[in-house]
Amino acid sequence: MAAAAEAEARLLLQEARESIEAARSYRRELQQRLRGLQQAREQVKDSAALTRDVLEQHFRDLKGTLQKLLDERLLSLLQEVDAIEQESIQPLDECQKLIEQGVSTADDLLREGESAVDGDVGQQNEKLCNFTKKALHIQLDSLPEVPSLVDVPCLSAQLDDCLLTILKNQIFRHGTVASRPPVQLEEFVEKPGGILVRWCKVEEEFPAQDYRLQCRRGAAGPFEDVYVGSDTEFMVLHMDPHVEYQFRVCARGDGRREWSPWSVPQSGHTTLVPHEWTAGLEGYSLSSRRNIALRNDSQSCGVLYSKAPTYFCGQTLTFRIETVGQADRRDSLGLCVEQRSDGDSLQRDRAVCISTNGAVFVNGKEMTNQLPAVTSGSTVTFDMEVVQLGPCSSEGGNVKLRVTISSNNREVVFDWVLDQCCGSLYFGCSFSYPGWKVLVF
């Protein structure tokens, strides 16, 4: 009985401990969800505050601009009124001066005539003769023409009341408030020295024509454009491993000039070191990051290998042909188990490759299936997955790799059997003639 009671006690104790651990786990999950809820609440409040600031600043700027435009238009119209008034008054002023001179002359002549009529008899005849001659000279029947009211300007302002209606309609339609952006970041895929960023529309009715992806290092500093186009994914290169980068994306509707609101910024990073070519081979010139190789004019001909075996099964290795030169049947792009100082091509054992003419080689043997010839702008990708045959240990063993080589929308799939395990592979290229430039990522 004592043993049974002890066993029951131990069972109850174990169940209690398990319940306690489950309660702790449940509490941790609830606390994590509370933190997520708090972050969501902060995002709503912060984005609402930012949106208010943007709207207020925009409409302040709009008011200022409209006031300035209205003031400029008013000044222009007033200046036009002043010009018409000055141009119209000038001839009237000249006519008025002429008439006033005539009135003054008539007054003088009238006084002189009255004096001649009322003067002494002895001098009357002489005065009357002089007055008559002077009156004839002045041409009392000649009068200046005064324009009628219909012939002179009568200024008025022509103001179209429909402008207010047009402005009212435009203003009432100006601006929108979106509860969330029409496009959001969807996935980050680690690549050697880069990240493949994918995004998607979350508002199906939004007619997206172009997308704009921005990135920044860390959580501070300005965002910079890394892609603008119609694709919904982009490979961002030249990224340092184990460093957080922030991304955001927006879209532009069909036929629109303005961009949509930005998506919620998200962080991504890569733990994979970038692919690099080996420096120092005489026949090739490398870029500063050593991910671009150019076949130069040197007569030296050999295989350019990667600096280290940085390709692992399950990854995608991409070669992008930037420029082309003269093709040769011994040209090659591919992967291999080890570096070799001898030989001028990857068309050898323990290697798989594609030639610039599209021929595929496995361990130096050409396959029946062939891909299109590579051209400027072509991308050649290698994908591998492991299918193990037999035991695999440090002493050796057989390993089958399922290889997929793709180029120009076509692909070949085959099995590559190795006589020993290899955790990683080298990549390489060889070109017989100068002018070939290839980017690896």
Protein backbone atom coordinates (compact mmCIF):
# COMPACT_ATOMS: atom_id res chain seq x y z
CA MET A 1 0.00 0.00 0.00
CA ALA A 2 2.81 2.36 0.88
CA ALA A 3 4.50 1.73 -2.47
CA ALA A 4 1.26 2.35 -4.34
CA ALA A 5 0.68 5.58 -2.43
CA GLU A 6 4.23 6.68 -3.13
CA ALA A 7 3.84 5.93 -6.83
CA GLU A 8 0.56 7.85 -6.93
CA ALA A 9 2.21 10.78 -5.17
CA ARG A 10 5.07 10.78 -7.68
CA LEU A 11 2.55 10.70 -10.54
CA LEU A 12 0.59 13.57 -9.07
CA LEU A 13 3.81 15.51 -8.55
CA GLN A 14 4.84 14.90 -12.16
CA GLU A 15 1.44 15.98 -13.41
CA ALA A 16 1.62 19.10 -11.24
CA ARG A 17 5.05 19.96 -12.59
CA GLU A 18 3.83 19.49 -16.13
CA SER A 19 0.82 21.70 -15.41
CA ILE A 20 3.10 24.36 -13.93
CA GLU A 21 5.35 24.26 -17.01
CA ALA A 22 2.28 24.44 -19.27
CA ALA A 23 1.03 27.44 -17.27
CA ARG A 24 4.43 29.14 -17.61
CA SER A 25 4.45 28.51 -21.33
CA TYR A 26 0.89 29.79 -21.59
CA ARG A 27 1.85 32.93 -19.66
CA ARG A 28 4.86 33.52 -21.91
CA GLU A 29 2.67 33.20 -24.98
CA LEU A 30 0.12 35.62 -23.52
CA GLN A 31 2.85 38.11 -22.61
CA GLN A 32 4.27 37.85 -26.11
CA ARG A 33 0.83 38.48 -27.55
CA LEU A 34 0.43 41.46 -25.23
CA ARG A 35 3.70 42.87 -26.56
CA GLY A 36 2.47 42.30 -30.09
CA LEU A 37 -0.82 43.99 -29.23
CA GLN A 38 1.04 46.93 -27.75
CA GLN A 39 3.17 47.24 -30.89
CA ALA A 40 0.00 47.15 -33.01
CA ARG A 41 -1.59 49.86 -30.85
CA GLU A 42 1.56 52.00 -31.10
CA GLN A 43 1.60 51.55 -34.86
CA VAL A 44 -2.01 52.73 -35.14
CA LYS A 45 -1.46 55.75 -32.87
CA ASP A 46 1.92 56.70 -34.37
CA SER A 47 0.70 56.35 -37.96
CA ALA A 48 -2.46 58.34 -37.11
CA ALA A 49 -0.38 61.14 -35.56
CA LEU A 50 1.99 61.16 -38.52
CA THR A 51 -0.95 61.21 -40.95
CA ARG A 52 -2.48 64.19 -39.12
CA ASP A 53 0.82 66.06 -39.32
CA VAL A 54 1.16 65.27 -43.02
CA LEU A 55 -2.40 66.38 -43.78
CA GLU A 56 -2.11 69.60 -41.77
CA GLN A 57 1.23 70.50 -43.31
CA HIS A 58 -0.01 69.69 -46.80
CA PHE A 59 -3.11 71.83 -46.49
CA ARG A 60 -1.10 74.67 -44.90
CA ASP A 61 1.22 74.57 -47.88
CA LEU A 62 -1.77 74.36 -50.21
CA LYS A 63 -3.42 77.37 -48.59
CA GLY A 64 -0.23 79.37 -48.82
CA THR A 65 0.27 78.43 -52.45
CA LEU A 66 -3.33 79.22 -53.35
CA GLN A 67 -3.16 82.56 -51.51
CA LYS A 68 0.03 83.41 -53.35
CA LEU A 69 -1.47 82.45 -56.71
CA LEU A 70 -4.64 84.46 -56.00
CA ASP A 71 -2.60 87.50 -54.93
CA GLU A 72 -0.47 87.24 -58.06
CA ARG A 73 -3.56 86.99 -60.26
CA LEU A 74 -5.23 89.93 -58.51
CA LEU A 75 -2.11 92.05 -58.93
CA SER A 76 -1.96 91.14 -62.63
CA LEU A 77 -5.60 92.12 -63.18
CA LEU A 78 -5.19 95.40 -61.26
CA GLN A 79 -2.13 96.22 -63.34
CA GLU A 80 -4.18 95.53 -66.46
CA VAL A 81 -6.90 97.92 -65.19
CA ASP A 82 -4.26 100.58 -64.51
CA ALA A 83 -2.80 100.17 -68.00
CA ILE A 84 -6.19 100.43 -69.74
CA GLU A 85 -7.17 103.44 -67.61
CA GLN A 86 -3.92 105.27 -68.34
CA GLU A 87 -4.09 104.49 -72.04
CA SER A 88 -7.74 105.67 -72.27
CA ILE A 89 -7.43 108.81 -70.12
CA GLN A 90 -4.39 110.21 -71.95
CA PRO A 91 -6.21 111.25 -75.19
CA LEU A 92 -9.13 112.57 -73.12
CA ASP A 93 -6.74 114.73 -71.12
CA GLU A 94 -5.17 116.05 -74.33
CA CYS A 95 -8.64 116.83 -75.73
CA GLN A 96 -9.58 118.58 -72.48
CA LYS A 97 -6.46 120.77 -72.68
CA LEU A 98 -7.30 121.68 -76.26
CA ILE A 99 -10.88 122.63 -75.33
CA GLU A 100 -9.74 124.61 -72.29
CA GLN A 101 -7.28 126.52 -74.53
CA GLY A 102 -10.16 127.24 -76.93
CA VAL A 103 -12.37 128.51 -74.09
CA SER A 104 -9.57 130.78 -72.90
CA THR A 105 -9.04 132.11 -76.43
CA ALA A 106 -12.78 132.65 -76.85
CA ASP A 107 -12.94 134.56 -73.54
CA ASP A 108 -10.10 136.81 -74.64
CA LEU A 109 -11.71 137.38 -78.03
CA LEU A 110 -15.07 138.09 -76.40
CA ARG A 111 -13.61 140.70 -74.11
CA GLU A 112 -11.73 142.29 -76.99
CA GLY A 113 -14.90 142.38 -79.13
CA GLU A 114 -16.99 143.92 -76.37
CA SER A 115 -14.27 146.53 -75.80
CA ALA A 116 -14.24 147.36 -79.51
CA VAL A 117 -17.99 147.77 -79.65
CA ASP A 118 -18.21 149.87 -76.51
CA GLY A 119 -15.06 151.92 -77.17
CA ASP A 120 -14.52 155.57 -78.34
CA VAL A 121 -15.94 156.48 -81.72
CA GLY A 122 -12.59 157.71 -82.93
CA GLN A 123 -10.88 154.39 -82.28
CA GLN A 124 -13.90 152.19 -82.81
CA ASN A 125 -13.37 151.50 -86.49
CA GLU A 126 -9.74 150.46 -85.99
CA LYS A 127 -10.59 148.18 -83.05
CA LEU A 128 -13.51 146.63 -84.90
CA CYS A 129 -11.28 145.97 -87.93
CA ASN A 130 -8.58 144.32 -85.80
CA PHE A 131 -11.17 142.27 -83.90
CA THR A 132 -12.78 141.06 -87.10
CA LYS A 133 -9.45 139.99 -88.57
CA LYS A 134 -8.49 138.19 -85.35
CA ALA A 135 -11.86 136.42 -85.21
CA LEU A 136 -11.45 135.24 -88.80
CA HIS A 137 -7.94 133.98 -88.02
CA ILE A 138 -9.08 131.97 -85.01
CA GLN A 139 -11.70 130.09 -87.06
CA LEU A 140 -14.58 130.27 -84.65
CA ASP A 141 -16.45 127.61 -86.60
CA SER A 142 -13.74 124.95 -85.92
CA LEU A 143 -14.52 122.80 -82.83
CA PRO A 144 -12.53 119.78 -81.47
CA GLU A 145 -14.32 116.45 -81.65
CA VAL A 146 -15.33 114.95 -78.34
CA PRO A 147 -15.75 111.12 -78.33
CA SER A 148 -19.12 109.79 -77.35
CA LEU A 149 -19.50 107.56 -74.32
CA VAL A 150 -19.88 104.47 -76.49
CA ASP A 151 -16.46 105.19 -78.06
CA VAL A 152 -14.49 105.30 -74.82
CA PRO A 153 -13.63 102.31 -72.62
CA CYS A 154 -16.00 101.33 -69.84
CA LEU A 155 -14.01 98.91 -67.66
CA SER A 156 -15.55 95.91 -65.93
CA ALA A 157 -14.37 92.66 -64.34
CA GLN A 158 -15.36 89.38 -65.95
CA LEU A 159 -15.31 86.75 -63.19
CA ASP A 160 -16.40 83.19 -63.90
CA ASP A 161 -18.33 81.86 -60.93
CA CYS A 162 -17.82 78.27 -62.11
CA LEU A 163 -14.21 78.47 -60.86
CA LEU A 164 -15.50 78.15 -57.32
CA THR A 165 -17.52 75.10 -58.30
CA ILE A 166 -14.51 73.52 -60.02
CA LEU A 167 -12.25 74.27 -57.06
CA LYS A 168 -14.86 72.99 -54.63
CA ASN A 169 -15.19 69.70 -56.52
CA GLN A 170 -11.42 69.27 -56.82
CA ILE A 171 -10.81 70.14 -53.17
CA PHE A 172 -13.47 67.73 -51.94
CA ARG A 173 -11.82 64.95 -53.97
CA HIS A 174 -8.27 65.95 -53.02
CA GLY A 175 -6.49 63.47 -50.78
CA THR A 176 -7.51 60.18 -49.25
CA VAL A 177 -6.83 58.42 -45.97
CA ALA A 178 -5.91 54.75 -46.27
CA SER A 179 -6.17 52.41 -43.30
CA ARG A 180 -3.30 50.36 -44.72
CA PRO A 181 -0.98 50.57 -47.74
CA PRO A 182 -2.07 48.72 -50.91
CA VAL A 183 1.17 46.71 -51.01
CA GLN A 184 3.16 44.98 -48.26
CA LEU A 185 6.45 43.13 -47.97
CA GLU A 186 5.86 39.38 -48.10
CA GLU A 187 9.11 37.40 -47.84
CA PHE A 188 12.87 37.74 -47.35
CA VAL A 189 15.07 34.98 -48.76
CA GLU A 190 18.71 34.91 -47.69
CA LYS A 191 21.24 34.88 -50.50
CA PRO A 192 25.04 35.04 -50.39
CA GLY A 193 25.79 38.71 -49.83
CA GLY A 194 22.18 39.72 -50.49
CA ILE A 195 18.48 39.27 -49.84
CA LEU A 196 15.74 38.35 -52.28
CA VAL A 197 12.82 40.61 -51.31
CA ARG A 198 9.28 39.72 -52.36
CA TRP A 199 6.12 41.82 -51.96
CA CYS A 200 2.46 41.54 -52.86
CA LYS A 201 -0.70 43.60 -53.21
CA VAL A 202 -3.06 43.47 -50.24
CA GLU A 203 -5.64 45.66 -51.94
CA GLU A 204 -6.75 43.73 -54.99
CA GLU A 205 -8.67 46.65 -56.48
CA PHE A 206 -5.55 48.81 -56.57
CA PRO A 207 -4.31 48.84 -60.22
CA ALA A 208 -0.58 48.72 -59.52
CA GLN A 209 1.62 49.54 -62.51
CA ASP A 210 5.01 50.10 -60.85
CA TYR A 211 6.59 49.30 -57.50
CA ARG A 212 9.28 51.16 -55.58
CA LEU A 213 11.50 49.33 -53.09
CA GLN A 214 13.71 51.19 -50.62
CA CYS A 215 16.33 49.97 -48.15
CA ARG A 216 18.45 51.35 -45.36
CA ARG A 217 21.15 49.92 -43.13
CA GLY A 218 19.97 49.58 -39.54
CA ALA A 219 16.90 51.28 -38.09
CA ALA A 220 18.03 54.89 -38.60
CA GLY A 221 19.14 57.04 -41.48
CA PRO A 222 17.46 57.75 -44.80
CA PHE A 223 15.92 55.10 -47.05
CA GLU A 224 17.34 54.81 -50.56
CA ASP A 225 15.76 53.46 -53.73
CA VAL A 226 17.04 50.03 -54.74
CA TYR A 227 14.38 49.11 -57.32
CA VAL A 228 11.65 50.75 -59.40
CA GLY A 229 9.73 48.56 -61.85
CA SER A 230 6.83 46.23 -62.44
CA ASP A 231 8.26 43.05 -60.83
CA THR A 232 7.13 41.88 -57.40
CA GLU A 233 10.55 40.67 -56.26
CA PHE A 234 14.10 41.99 -56.38
CA MET A 235 17.52 40.71 -55.41
CA VAL A 236 19.23 43.32 -53.22
CA LEU A 237 22.99 42.76 -53.45
CA HIS A 238 26.09 44.16 -51.71
CA MET A 239 24.76 43.45 -48.22
CA ASP A 240 27.02 42.65 -45.29
CA PRO A 241 26.30 39.38 -43.47
CA HIS A 242 24.70 39.49 -39.98
CA VAL A 243 23.68 43.16 -40.41
CA GLU A 244 20.02 44.20 -40.11
CA TYR A 245 18.55 46.13 -43.02
CA GLN A 246 15.13 47.73 -43.18
CA PHE A 247 12.94 47.62 -46.28
CA ARG A 248 9.72 49.29 -47.39
CA VAL A 249 7.75 49.26 -50.63
CA CYS A 250 5.04 51.34 -52.27
CA ALA A 251 3.15 51.23 -55.56
CA ARG A 252 1.92 53.57 -58.27
CA GLY A 253 -1.47 53.11 -59.91
CA ASP A 254 -2.01 52.79 -63.61
CA GLY A 255 -1.70 56.22 -65.23
CA ARG A 256 -0.93 57.96 -61.91
CA ARG A 257 2.10 60.06 -61.05
CA GLU A 258 1.96 59.92 -57.26
CA TRP A 259 3.08 56.93 -55.20
CA SER A 260 0.93 55.12 -52.66
CA PRO A 261 1.70 55.19 -48.91
CA TRP A 262 4.72 53.15 -47.83
CA SER A 263 4.32 49.66 -46.44
CA VAL A 264 5.18 48.93 -42.82
CA PRO A 265 9.02 48.78 -42.66
CA GLN A 266 10.37 45.29 -42.02
CA SER A 267 13.85 44.09 -41.15
CA GLY A 268 15.86 41.43 -42.93
CA HIS A 269 19.40 40.13 -42.96
CA THR A 270 21.57 37.47 -44.52
CA THR A 271 23.92 35.11 -42.72
CA LEU A 272 25.53 33.95 -45.97
CA VAL A 273 28.85 35.45 -46.98
CA PRO A 274 28.90 36.93 -50.49
CA HIS A 275 30.23 34.96 -53.42
CA GLU A 276 33.64 36.24 -54.53
CA TRP A 277 35.97 35.40 -57.38
CA THR A 278 39.62 34.65 -56.62
CA ALA A 279 41.81 37.69 -57.21
CA GLY A 280 45.14 37.54 -59.01
CA LEU A 281 44.41 35.38 -62.05
CA GLU A 282 46.12 37.09 -64.97
CA GLY A 283 43.34 36.64 -67.51
CA TYR A 284 40.56 38.28 -65.45
CA SER A 285 39.87 41.69 -63.94
CA LEU A 286 37.56 41.87 -60.92
CA SER A 287 35.23 44.54 -59.52
CA SER A 288 35.90 46.09 -56.11
CA ARG A 289 33.52 43.61 -54.44
CA ARG A 290 34.98 40.73 -56.46
CA ASN A 291 31.56 39.53 -57.58
CA ILE A 292 32.05 40.63 -61.21
CA ALA A 293 34.74 39.13 -63.42
CA LEU A 294 35.81 40.51 -66.79
CA ARG A 295 37.86 38.43 -69.24
CA ASN A 296 40.59 40.86 -70.25
CA ASP A 297 42.96 40.95 -73.23
CA SER A 298 45.62 38.81 -71.56
CA GLN A 299 46.69 35.75 -73.51
CA SER A 300 46.67 33.72 -70.30
CA CYS A 301 43.79 31.27 -70.34
CA GLY A 302 42.56 29.28 -67.35
CA VAL A 303 39.66 28.70 -65.02
CA LEU A 304 38.69 31.48 -62.61
CA TYR A 305 37.45 29.89 -59.36
CA SER A 306 35.60 31.26 -56.37
CA LYS A 307 37.64 32.49 -53.44
CA ALA A 308 36.14 29.76 -51.25
CA PRO A 309 33.65 26.88 -51.57
CA THR A 310 30.65 29.10 -50.73
CA TYR A 311 27.93 27.19 -52.59
CA PHE A 312 25.82 24.84 -50.45
CA CYS A 313 23.15 22.46 -51.66
CA GLY A 314 19.69 23.91 -51.34
CA GLN A 315 20.83 27.34 -52.52
CA THR A 316 20.48 28.92 -55.96
CA LEU A 317 23.67 30.10 -57.64
CA THR A 318 23.15 32.68 -60.36
CA PHE A 319 25.50 33.85 -63.09
CA ARG A 320 24.37 36.95 -64.99
CA ILE A 321 26.12 37.72 -68.27
CA GLU A 322 26.75 41.48 -68.40
CA THR A 323 28.65 41.59 -71.71
CA VAL A 324 29.69 38.94 -74.22
CA GLY A 325 32.76 38.27 -76.30
CA GLN A 326 33.57 35.71 -78.96
CA ALA A 327 32.23 32.30 -78.00
CA ASP A 328 34.36 29.15 -77.83
CA ARG A 329 33.31 25.54 -77.32
CA ARG A 330 35.65 25.29 -74.27
CA ASP A 331 33.97 28.20 -72.42
CA SER A 332 32.29 27.17 -69.17
CA LEU A 333 30.22 28.35 -66.19
CA GLY A 334 29.59 25.91 -63.37
CA LEU A 335 30.39 24.22 -60.07
CA CYS A 336 33.13 21.82 -59.03
CA VAL A 337 34.41 19.90 -56.03
CA GLU A 338 37.90 21.39 -55.95
CA GLN A 339 40.13 23.99 -57.58
CA ARG A 340 42.70 22.88 -60.13
CA SER A 341 45.61 24.89 -61.41
CA ASP A 342 45.83 22.85 -64.60
CA GLY A 343 43.23 22.88 -67.36
CA ASP A 344 41.46 25.67 -69.18
CA SER A 345 37.82 24.67 -68.65
CA LEU A 346 35.33 23.19 -66.18
CA GLN A 347 34.53 20.54 -68.79
CA ARG A 348 36.29 17.93 -66.63
CA ASP A 349 35.60 15.34 -63.98
CA ARG A 350 34.12 16.32 -60.60
CA ALA A 351 32.47 19.34 -62.18
CA VAL A 352 29.19 20.33 -63.85
CA CYS A 353 28.98 23.28 -66.21
CA ILE A 354 27.32 24.91 -69.18
CA SER A 355 29.20 26.24 -72.19
CA THR A 356 28.43 29.58 -73.81
CA ASN A 357 26.80 27.70 -76.71
CA GLY A 358 24.35 26.06 -74.27
CA ALA A 359 25.96 22.60 -74.10
CA VAL A 360 25.79 20.96 -70.63
CA PHE A 361 28.71 18.91 -69.30
CA VAL A 362 28.77 16.46 -66.37
CA ASN A 363 32.20 15.18 -65.29
CA GLY A 364 33.56 16.26 -68.66
CA LYS A 365 30.92 14.45 -70.73
CA GLU A 366 28.46 16.41 -72.87
CA MET A 367 24.80 15.68 -72.23
CA THR A 368 22.23 15.12 -74.96
CA ASN A 369 20.01 17.87 -73.61
CA GLN A 370 21.17 21.38 -74.41
CA LEU A 371 20.17 24.86 -73.28
CA PRO A 372 20.00 28.03 -75.41
CA ALA A 373 23.25 29.87 -76.02
CA VAL A 374 23.96 32.60 -73.47
CA THR A 375 23.68 36.20 -74.60
CA SER A 376 24.14 39.61 -73.01
CA GLY A 377 21.70 39.86 -70.11
CA SER A 378 21.24 36.08 -69.80
CA THR A 379 21.07 34.50 -66.36
CA VAL A 380 22.24 30.95 -65.70
CA THR A 381 21.15 29.37 -62.41
CA PHE A 382 22.32 26.21 -60.65
CA ASP A 383 20.16 24.47 -58.04
CA MET A 384 21.17 21.28 -56.23
CA GLU A 385 19.62 18.96 -53.67
CA VAL A 386 21.20 15.92 -52.07
CA VAL A 387 20.01 12.36 -52.70
CA GLN A 388 22.38 10.15 -50.69
CA LEU A 389 23.33 6.66 -51.86
CA GLY A 390 24.97 4.40 -49.33
CA PRO A 391 26.82 5.42 -46.16
CA CYS A 392 28.41 8.83 -46.07
CA SER A 393 31.21 9.57 -43.62
CA SER A 394 34.52 11.37 -43.45
CA GLU A 395 36.15 8.31 -45.01
CA GLY A 396 34.01 8.55 -48.14
CA GLY A 397 30.82 7.36 -49.71
CA ASN A 398 28.62 7.90 -52.71
CA VAL A 399 26.39 10.96 -52.92
CA LYS A 400 23.88 11.73 -55.64
CA LEU A 401 23.10 15.41 -56.25
CA ARG A 402 19.97 16.38 -58.15
CA VAL A 403 21.14 19.26 -60.37
CA THR A 404 18.90 21.78 -62.17
CA ILE A 405 20.50 24.23 -64.62
CA SER A 406 18.23 26.96 -65.99
CA SER A 407 18.85 29.51 -68.72
CA ASN A 408 16.59 31.62 -70.93
CA ASN A 409 13.36 30.03 -69.60
CA ARG A 410 14.59 26.48 -70.18
CA GLU A 411 16.12 23.98 -67.82
CA VAL A 412 17.82 20.60 -67.67
CA VAL A 413 17.64 18.26 -64.67
CA PHE A 414 20.05 15.40 -64.02
CA ASP A 415 21.76 13.44 -61.23
CA TRP A 416 25.41 14.04 -60.45
CA VAL A 417 27.06 11.20 -58.54
CA LEU A 418 30.15 11.96 -56.45
CA ASP A 419 32.43 9.42 -54.86
CA GLN A 420 32.64 11.33 -51.58
CA CYS A 421 30.65 13.75 -49.46
CA CYS A 422 31.32 17.44 -49.92
CA GLY A 423 29.68 20.05 -47.73
CA SER A 424 30.19 22.89 -50.18
CA LEU A 425 31.33 23.50 -53.75
CA TYR A 426 33.44 25.97 -55.67
CA PHE A 427 32.03 27.87 -58.63
CA GLY A 428 34.06 28.90 -61.63
CA CYS A 429 34.15 30.20 -65.19
CA SER A 430 36.44 30.10 -68.18
CA PHE A 431 36.43 32.10 -71.41
CA SER A 432 38.89 31.76 -74.25
CA TYR A 433 38.36 35.26 -75.68
CA PRO A 434 38.15 38.70 -74.03
CA GLY A 435 34.98 40.75 -73.54
CA TRP A 436 32.99 38.37 -71.35
CA LYS A 437 31.78 39.91 -68.08
CA VAL A 438 29.86 37.82 -65.54
CA LEU A 439 28.21 38.71 -62.22
CA VAL A 440 27.76 35.95 -59.62
CA PHE A 441 25.29 35.97 -56.74
